[in-house]
Protein backbone atom coordinates (compact mmCIF):
# COMPACT_ATOMS: atom_id res chain seq x y z
CA MET A 1 26.28 -135.19 3.70
CA GLN A 2 26.05 -133.11 0.87
CA ASN A 3 22.84 -132.83 0.42
CA LYS A 4 22.02 -131.54 3.53
CA ASN A 5 24.83 -128.78 3.11
CA ASN A 6 22.93 -127.44 0.57
CA THR A 7 19.63 -128.10 1.74
CA GLY A 8 20.91 -125.54 5.13
CA LEU A 9 22.25 -123.35 2.19
CA VAL A 10 18.73 -122.71 0.86
CA ILE A 11 17.39 -122.45 4.16
CA GLY A 12 19.81 -119.61 5.02
CA LEU A 13 18.77 -118.03 2.26
CA ILE A 14 15.37 -118.12 2.93
CA ILE A 15 15.68 -116.72 5.92
CA MET A 16 18.33 -113.62 4.88
CA THR A 17 15.74 -113.43 2.04
CA ILE A 18 12.96 -112.58 4.66
CA VAL A 19 14.97 -110.88 6.94
CA ALA A 20 15.79 -108.12 3.96
CA ALA A 21 12.53 -108.33 2.62
CA VAL A 22 11.35 -107.02 6.34
CA PHE A 23 13.82 -104.93 6.28
CA GLY A 24 13.45 -103.20 3.03
CA TYR A 25 9.60 -102.54 4.16
CA LEU A 26 10.08 -101.10 7.37
CA TYR A 27 12.93 -98.53 5.64
CA TYR A 28 10.13 -97.68 3.06
CA GLN A 29 7.28 -97.62 5.74
CA GLU A 30 9.41 -95.18 7.90
CA ARG A 31 10.45 -92.92 4.88
CA ASP A 32 6.96 -92.48 4.00
CA ILE A 33 6.11 -91.27 7.39
CA THR A 34 8.64 -88.69 7.48
CA ASN A 35 7.75 -87.47 3.71
CA LYS A 36 4.48 -87.14 4.99
CA GLN A 37 6.27 -85.69 8.30
CA GLU A 38 7.93 -83.03 6.44
CA THR A 39 4.98 -82.23 3.81
CA ASP A 40 2.37 -81.87 6.68
CA LEU A 41 5.57 -79.22 8.83
CA GLN A 42 5.53 -77.19 4.92
CA GLU A 43 1.91 -77.12 4.87
CA ARG A 44 1.94 -75.99 7.80
CA VAL A 45 5.02 -73.12 7.21
CA THR A 46 2.95 -71.63 4.56
CA GLU A 47 -0.30 -71.62 6.28
CA LEU A 48 1.01 -69.21 8.87
CA ALA A 49 2.80 -67.30 6.06
CA ALA A 50 -0.31 -67.04 4.59
CA SER A 51 -2.09 -66.26 7.49
CA GLU A 52 0.22 -63.20 8.58
CA ILE A 53 0.03 -62.06 5.09
CA LYS A 54 -3.19 -61.84 4.64
CA LEU A 55 -3.46 -60.28 8.65
CA ASP A 56 -0.99 -58.08 8.11
CA SER A 57 -3.01 -56.60 4.75
CA ILE A 58 -6.24 -56.63 6.83
CA ALA A 59 -4.38 -54.40 9.41
CA LYS A 60 -3.31 -51.84 6.64
CA GLN A 61 -6.91 -51.37 5.69
CA LEU A 62 -7.95 -51.36 9.07
CA ASP A 63 -5.58 -48.35 9.80
CA ALA A 64 -6.75 -46.38 5.85
CA ARG A 65 -10.62 -46.94 7.06
CA ILE A 66 -9.95 -45.22 10.76
CA LEU A 67 -8.19 -42.23 9.13
CA GLU A 68 -11.13 -42.05 5.93
CA VAL A 69 -13.64 -42.70 8.83
CA GLN A 70 -12.21 -39.86 11.09
CA GLY A 71 -11.33 -37.10 8.29
CA LEU A 72 -15.75 -38.20 7.52
CA GLY A 73 -16.41 -37.15 11.04
CA GLY A 74 -17.45 -40.65 11.40
CA ASP A 75 -17.31 -42.88 15.52
CA ILE A 76 -14.13 -45.02 14.77
CA ALA A 77 -15.06 -46.82 17.91
CA GLU A 78 -15.84 -50.29 16.21
CA LEU A 79 -13.11 -50.41 13.51
CA GLN A 80 -10.62 -49.63 16.61
CA LYS A 81 -12.05 -52.85 18.23
CA ALA A 82 -10.90 -54.21 15.24
CA LYS A 83 -7.49 -53.82 14.85
CA ALA A 84 -6.80 -54.45 18.67
CA SER A 85 -8.12 -57.60 18.56
CA LEU A 86 -6.32 -58.19 14.94
CA GLU A 87 -3.29 -57.72 16.56
CA GLN A 88 -3.67 -59.85 19.84
CA ASP A 89 -4.82 -62.43 16.60
CA ARG A 90 -1.14 -61.35 14.85
CA ILE A 91 0.58 -62.44 18.30
CA SER A 92 -1.04 -65.48 18.96
CA LEU A 93 -0.11 -66.32 15.15
CA ARG A 94 3.66 -65.74 15.77
CA LYS A 95 3.21 -68.40 18.64
CA GLY A 96 2.16 -71.27 16.28
CA ASN A 97 -1.77 -70.99 16.00
CA ALA A 98 -2.72 -71.80 12.50
CA LEU A 99 -6.16 -71.48 13.09
CA MET A 100 -7.07 -68.35 11.11
CA GLY A 101 -8.73 -68.74 8.43
CA LYS A 102 -11.83 -68.35 9.90
CA LYS A 103 -10.53 -64.81 12.08
CA VAL A 104 -9.06 -64.02 8.42
CA LYS A 105 -12.76 -64.60 6.87
CA GLU A 106 -14.62 -62.78 9.84
CA TYR A 107 -12.35 -59.74 9.61
CA GLU A 108 -12.72 -59.99 5.56
CA ASP A 109 -16.53 -59.37 6.09
CA PHE A 110 -15.81 -57.10 9.06
CA LEU A 111 -13.95 -54.43 6.18
CA THR A 112 -16.69 -55.38 3.19
CA LYS A 113 -19.68 -54.27 6.00
CA LYS A 114 -17.23 -51.03 6.42
CA ASP A 115 -16.54 -50.29 3.28
CA GLU A 116 -20.36 -50.08 2.56
CA GLU A 117 -20.59 -47.84 6.22
CA ILE A 118 -18.35 -45.88 5.17
CA ALA A 119 -19.79 -45.36 1.19
CA GLN A 120 -22.81 -44.14 3.41
CA LEU A 121 -20.83 -41.69 4.94
CA ARG A 122 -18.71 -40.56 1.99
CA GLU A 123 -22.56 -40.05 0.07
CA GLU A 124 -23.83 -37.96 3.46
CA ASN A 125 -21.47 -36.30 3.47
CA GLN A 126 -21.39 -34.62 -0.02
CA GLN A 127 -24.33 -33.98 0.19
CA LEU A 128 -23.59 -32.18 3.73
CA ILE A 129 -20.88 -29.90 1.41
CA SER A 130 -23.72 -28.97 -1.58
CA GLN A 131 -25.81 -28.44 1.02
CA ASN A 132 -23.20 -25.95 2.57
CA GLU A 133 -22.11 -24.71 -0.54
CA THR A 134 -26.02 -24.06 -1.71
CA LEU A 135 -25.96 -22.24 1.67
CA VAL A 136 -23.14 -20.15 0.65
CA GLN A 137 -24.40 -19.30 -2.67
CA THR A 138 -27.55 -18.00 -0.85
CA ASN A 139 -25.99 -16.27 1.77
CA THR A 140 -23.30 -14.74 -1.05
CA SER A 141 -26.66 -13.84 -2.90
CA LEU A 142 -28.19 -12.12 0.31
CA GLU A 143 -25.14 -10.10 0.81
CA THR A 144 -24.93 -8.45 -2.61
CA SER A 145 -28.62 -7.54 -2.29
CA LYS A 146 -28.65 -6.31 1.33
CA LYS A 147 -24.96 -4.20 0.19
CA ALA A 148 -27.02 -3.11 -2.52
CA VAL A 149 -30.13 -2.39 -0.56
CA SER A 150 -27.91 -0.62 2.20
CA ASP A 151 -26.36 0.84 -0.71
CA SER A 152 -29.76 2.32 -1.71
CA LEU A 153 -30.49 3.30 1.60
CA SER A 154 -27.27 4.95 2.62
CA GLY A 155 -27.96 6.60 -1.06
CA VAL A 156 -31.57 8.37 0.40
CA ILE A 157 -30.22 8.94 3.66
CA SER A 158 -27.28 10.89 1.69
CA LYS A 159 -29.77 12.69 -0.28
CA ASN A 160 -32.35 12.97 2.29
CA THR A 161 -29.47 14.17 4.79
CA GLU A 162 -28.61 16.86 1.90
CA LEU A 163 -31.64 17.84 1.19
CA GLU A 164 -32.17 19.01 4.99
CA SER A 165 -28.93 20.15 4.64
CA LYS A 166 -29.64 22.42 1.91
CA VAL A 167 -33.36 23.22 3.29
CA THR A 168 -31.51 23.80 6.93
CA MET A 169 -28.95 26.41 4.96
CA ALA A 170 -31.91 28.00 3.36
CA ALA A 171 -34.16 28.54 7.12
CA ALA A 172 -30.84 30.16 8.39
CA LEU A 173 -31.12 33.45 8.78
CA ARG A 174 -29.58 36.84 7.50
CA ALA A 175 -28.16 39.65 8.39
CA ARG A 176 -27.88 42.31 6.04
CA SER A 177 -27.09 46.79 6.27
CA VAL A 178 -24.70 45.61 9.52
CA LYS A 179 -23.21 48.39 10.83
CA VAL A 180 -20.67 49.09 13.61
CA TYR A 181 -21.22 52.05 15.99
CA ALA A 182 -18.07 53.14 18.83
CA ILE A 183 -19.70 54.82 21.61
CA SER A 184 -17.91 57.38 24.00
CA SER A 185 -18.11 57.43 27.31
CA LYS A 186 -19.73 60.73 26.58
CA GLY A 187 -22.56 58.84 24.77
CA LYS A 188 -21.03 60.50 21.26
CA VAL A 189 -21.46 58.14 18.51
CA ARG A 190 -19.17 57.49 15.76
CA GLU A 191 -20.05 54.84 12.79
CA GLY A 192 -17.05 52.83 12.83
CA GLU A 193 -13.81 53.40 10.79
CA ASN A 194 -10.56 54.70 12.22
CA VAL A 195 -12.17 56.05 15.89
CA LYS A 196 -9.52 57.29 18.26
CA ALA A 197 -9.56 55.29 20.96
CA LYS A 198 -9.58 56.99 24.32
CA ARG A 199 -13.00 58.13 22.73
CA VAL A 200 -14.02 54.27 23.05
CA ASP A 201 -16.13 53.47 25.66
CA LYS A 202 -19.08 50.85 24.22
CA VAL A 203 -19.71 49.25 20.73
CA ARG A 204 -23.04 49.03 18.85
CA VAL A 205 -24.21 46.78 16.08
CA ASP A 206 -27.20 47.49 14.07
CA PHE A 207 -28.14 44.89 11.56
CA ILE A 208 -31.61 44.05 9.92
CA LEU A 209 -32.82 40.00 10.50
CA GLU A 210 -33.97 39.42 6.64
CA LYS A 211 -37.52 37.75 6.01
CA ASN A 212 -37.68 34.60 5.53
CA PRO A 213 -40.12 31.84 4.97
CA LEU A 214 -38.25 28.84 5.51
CA THR A 215 -37.40 29.86 9.18
CA LEU A 216 -39.57 29.31 11.97
CA THR A 217 -41.02 32.64 14.27
CA ASP A 218 -39.49 31.55 17.34
CA ASN A 219 -37.04 32.83 20.01
CA LYS A 220 -33.45 32.97 18.54
CA THR A 221 -30.55 33.86 20.23
CA ILE A 222 -27.55 36.36 18.92
CA TYR A 223 -24.11 35.48 19.29
CA MET A 224 -21.55 38.28 18.97
CA ARG A 225 -18.15 37.70 18.27
CA ILE A 226 -15.75 40.73 18.33
CA ILE A 227 -12.10 39.16 17.32
CA ASP A 228 -9.26 41.93 18.81
CA PRO A 229 -6.47 42.91 16.29
CA ALA A 230 -4.23 39.81 17.50
CA GLY A 231 -7.13 37.51 16.19
CA ALA A 232 -8.62 36.69 19.65
CA THR A 233 -12.21 37.08 20.71
CA ILE A 234 -13.07 39.60 22.90
CA SER A 235 -14.38 37.36 26.19
CA ASP A 236 -15.48 38.41 29.56
CA ALA A 237 -17.45 36.52 31.92
CA ALA A 238 -18.50 39.60 33.89
CA THR A 239 -19.89 41.05 30.83
CA GLY A 240 -22.61 37.64 29.27
CA SER A 241 -19.52 36.00 27.72
CA GLY A 242 -19.49 32.52 27.11
CA GLU A 243 -19.27 29.26 24.28
CA PHE A 244 -21.50 28.12 21.92
CA ASP A 245 -21.59 25.50 19.24
CA TYR A 246 -20.38 26.37 15.43
CA ASN A 247 -19.75 22.99 12.46
CA GLY A 248 -19.32 20.96 15.87
CA GLN A 249 -16.95 22.73 18.00
CA LYS A 250 -17.22 25.39 20.65
CA GLN A 251 -16.53 28.95 19.44
CA GLY A 252 -16.12 31.74 22.45
CA TYR A 253 -18.71 34.61 22.03
CA THR A 254 -18.43 38.35 23.23
CA ILE A 255 -21.65 38.72 24.29
CA SER A 256 -25.61 37.33 23.23
CA GLN A 257 -28.45 38.73 22.70
CA ASP A 258 -32.09 37.12 22.71
CA ILE A 259 -35.02 37.87 20.18
CA VAL A 260 -38.03 36.58 19.05
CA TYR A 261 -37.72 36.57 15.37
CA GLY A 262 -41.08 37.90 13.74
CA ASN A 263 -39.71 37.44 10.42
CA ASN A 264 -40.39 40.84 8.84
CA ASN A 265 -37.35 42.11 8.04
CA GLN A 266 -36.56 43.79 12.02
CA ASP A 267 -33.86 46.06 13.13
CA ILE A 268 -31.61 44.65 15.55
CA SER A 269 -29.23 46.15 18.24
CA ILE A 270 -27.21 44.98 20.11
CA LEU A 271 -24.76 46.70 22.46
CA TYR A 272 -21.96 46.25 24.05
CA ASP A 273 -19.94 47.62 27.04
CA ARG A 274 -16.52 46.89 27.55
CA ALA A 275 -14.82 47.27 31.36
CA THR A 276 -11.34 48.28 29.34
CA PRO A 277 -10.81 50.12 27.08
CA PHE A 278 -10.39 48.88 23.06
CA SER A 279 -6.61 49.20 21.89
CA LYS A 280 -5.31 50.90 18.94
CA GLY A 281 -6.21 48.57 15.60
CA LYS A 282 -8.78 47.12 13.38
CA TYR A 283 -11.40 44.78 15.04
CA THR A 284 -13.64 42.42 13.49
CA ILE A 285 -17.38 41.86 14.36
CA GLU A 286 -18.75 38.17 13.61
CA LEU A 287 -22.63 37.49 13.80
CA TYR A 288 -24.19 33.74 14.46
CA ALA A 289 -27.59 32.35 15.33
CA GLU A 290 -28.60 28.69 14.84
CA GLY A 291 -25.57 27.29 13.95
CA PHE A 292 -24.83 29.56 10.90
CA SER A 293 -22.83 33.15 10.74
CA ILE A 294 -25.13 35.42 9.65
CA GLY A 295 -23.10 38.34 9.15
CA GLU A 296 -20.14 40.62 10.22
CA GLY A 297 -18.92 43.92 10.13
CA SER A 298 -15.71 45.99 11.57
CA PHE A 299 -14.10 48.74 13.49
CA SER A 300 -10.81 50.58 13.64
CA VAL A 301 -9.49 52.24 16.69
CA LYS A 302 -6.27 54.50 16.50
């Protein structure tokens, strides 16, 4: 009886041992699965984080390339398209898609290609800058030469103008021996100094046009101005008064006379018949021809 009890105890122990072994096996088996899942999850999280970091870095590099190509005047359409695609991939990544290794490599290859194109664009821009600097230097040189030629030409023109002016002045008519006569209504003639007013009816001016080999022998117009004691030019359209050009301005004259210049010291006489009497005071006679003052005289009335 005792032997049977011992045998039952042994069998019970064996069964318990087997159960314990089975439970131990199952425990360790489950633990291995859990550890593997944790490892897989950690690897997935690490991969997602690494992909996010790479995509963020590539996005910043794309922004930098876009700005540089814009500054160089290049086409940024392809870069902008890549940036838009990358943003979509970042959104997909945040939703749990960890298959970004291939995409990241494609973006990196794209950046490498664009770096080569940007380097070429930089070189082309540098060449353009060098060419522009050369053109600027050439243009500056041309402008300097042009200015030198212009200054030289201006100097020549100035000298020619000066010479022409001197020749023109040298060719101007000259009136010498200017004499002024006051003529009464009865025809009595008095040389023009301190003539009584009641006896002055006309004024005659005699002078000699000097010979000048530089002056053309052609028709000339002599303009005579009679300046009254108040400084005004005596003018009356009825007696032939008008205006002429002198020093670039219009100048009034009392009377004019056309002559044929003979270049032979010819005698000229100009007679002015005034409708109203001359008042008291000193009168000045001025003679002009071809834009020059050629002589003067005076008479007085008291």
